[in-house]
């Protein structure tokens, strides 16, 4: 069985798909930041494991309402479950995500 050490501390923050998003990405593993007023422009169908490090992430889950994941907490989203993320706070949300 192989392994990989991911030195996020040595990676530069890169622009994301949205002007208020930056990320450090290695394969399916991402350290992600959403600045205040960030809102996904479209629904995401990908599966994720999300651990919020700082701030609170608001997720709209299609046909299931909205949930908030606060710092220190995590959630899972199954592949095919469409969702949109947003930062409704006045400070940056930082999270660790593993995508399927």
Protein backbone atom coordinates (compact mmCIF):
# COMPACT_ATOMS: atom_id res chain seq x y z
CA UNK A 1 0.00 0.00 0.00
CA UNK A 2 1.38 3.40 -0.97
CA UNK A 3 1.18 6.72 0.75
CA UNK A 4 1.65 10.40 -0.02
CA UNK A 5 2.67 13.23 2.27
CA UNK A 6 0.92 16.46 1.26
CA UNK A 7 2.88 19.50 2.45
CA UNK A 8 0.10 22.10 2.28
CA UNK A 9 2.35 24.53 4.19
CA UNK A 10 4.74 24.59 1.21
CA UNK A 11 2.08 25.05 -1.50
CA UNK A 12 1.00 28.47 -2.73
CA UNK A 13 -2.66 29.50 -2.66
CA UNK A 14 -4.07 29.32 -6.19
CA UNK A 15 -7.15 31.01 -7.67
CA UNK A 16 -10.26 28.85 -7.58
CA UNK A 17 -13.19 28.72 -9.98
CA UNK A 18 -14.73 31.83 -8.38
CA UNK A 19 -13.08 35.24 -7.71
CA UNK A 20 -13.69 34.81 -3.93
CA UNK A 21 -12.18 31.29 -3.81
CA UNK A 22 -8.56 30.20 -3.32
CA UNK A 23 -7.21 26.69 -2.91
CA UNK A 24 -4.27 24.38 -2.40
CA UNK A 25 -5.04 21.22 -4.33
CA UNK A 26 -3.33 17.84 -4.67
CA UNK A 27 -5.48 15.34 -6.59
CA UNK A 28 -8.77 14.81 -4.77
CA UNK A 29 -7.52 16.56 -1.59
CA UNK A 30 -8.03 20.32 -1.27
CA UNK A 31 -7.48 23.03 1.32
CA UNK A 32 -10.05 25.65 0.34
CA UNK A 33 -10.88 29.24 1.34
CA UNK A 34 -14.09 31.14 0.60
CA UNK A 35 -13.99 34.88 1.22
CA UNK A 36 -17.04 36.79 2.54
CA UNK A 37 -19.91 36.94 0.03
CA UNK A 38 -18.71 33.80 -1.80
CA UNK A 39 -21.59 31.87 -3.36
CA UNK A 40 -21.37 28.94 -5.78
CA UNK A 41 -22.81 30.05 -9.13
CA UNK A 42 -24.02 26.54 -9.97
CA UNK A 43 -24.98 23.23 -8.37
CA UNK A 44 -22.14 20.76 -7.68
CA UNK A 45 -22.93 17.03 -8.15
CA UNK A 46 -19.62 15.70 -6.75
CA UNK A 47 -19.28 13.77 -3.51
CA UNK A 48 -17.23 15.32 -0.70
CA UNK A 49 -15.99 14.87 2.83
CA UNK A 50 -15.73 18.40 4.26
CA UNK A 51 -14.05 19.46 7.51
CA UNK A 52 -14.43 23.17 8.33
CA UNK A 53 -11.31 24.60 9.96
CA UNK A 54 -12.39 28.24 10.38
CA UNK A 55 -15.70 30.07 10.03
CA UNK A 56 -19.01 28.49 9.04
CA UNK A 57 -19.96 27.02 5.68
CA UNK A 58 -23.57 27.16 4.54
CA UNK A 59 -24.63 24.37 2.17
CA UNK A 60 -27.87 24.25 0.22
CA UNK A 61 -28.66 20.60 -0.49
CA UNK A 62 -31.07 20.17 -3.40
CA UNK A 63 -34.45 18.89 -2.15
CA UNK A 64 -33.16 18.82 1.47
CA UNK A 65 -32.81 22.44 2.57
CA UNK A 66 -29.81 24.21 4.05
CA UNK A 67 -27.25 23.10 6.62
CA UNK A 68 -24.47 25.02 8.35
CA UNK A 69 -21.14 23.38 9.11
CA UNK A 70 -19.18 25.33 11.73
CA UNK A 71 -15.46 25.26 12.53
CA UNK A 72 -14.42 21.95 14.06
CA UNK A 73 -17.29 20.05 12.43
CA UNK A 74 -17.55 18.00 9.27
CA UNK A 75 -20.10 16.63 6.82
CA UNK A 76 -20.30 14.18 3.97
CA UNK A 77 -22.12 14.66 0.68
CA UNK A 78 -22.77 11.64 -1.51
CA UNK A 79 -21.90 11.80 -5.20
CA UNK A 80 -25.01 12.80 -7.14
CA UNK A 81 -26.39 14.91 -4.28
CA UNK A 82 -26.43 18.38 -5.82
CA UNK A 83 -25.35 21.20 -3.51
CA UNK A 84 -24.21 24.82 -3.44
CA UNK A 85 -21.86 26.41 -0.90
CA UNK A 86 -21.79 29.96 0.39
CA UNK A 87 -20.04 32.09 2.98
CA UNK A 88 -22.59 34.33 4.67
CA UNK A 89 -20.15 35.55 7.33
CA UNK A 90 -17.89 38.60 7.36
CA UNK A 91 -14.67 36.56 7.53
CA UNK A 92 -12.98 33.79 5.52
CA UNK A 93 -14.20 30.19 5.71
CA UNK A 94 -11.40 27.65 5.47
CA UNK A 95 -12.03 23.94 4.95
CA UNK A 96 -10.35 20.66 4.11
CA UNK A 97 -12.14 18.66 1.39
CA UNK A 98 -11.70 15.18 -0.04
CA UNK A 99 -13.69 14.81 -3.26
CA UNK A 100 -14.85 11.67 -5.01
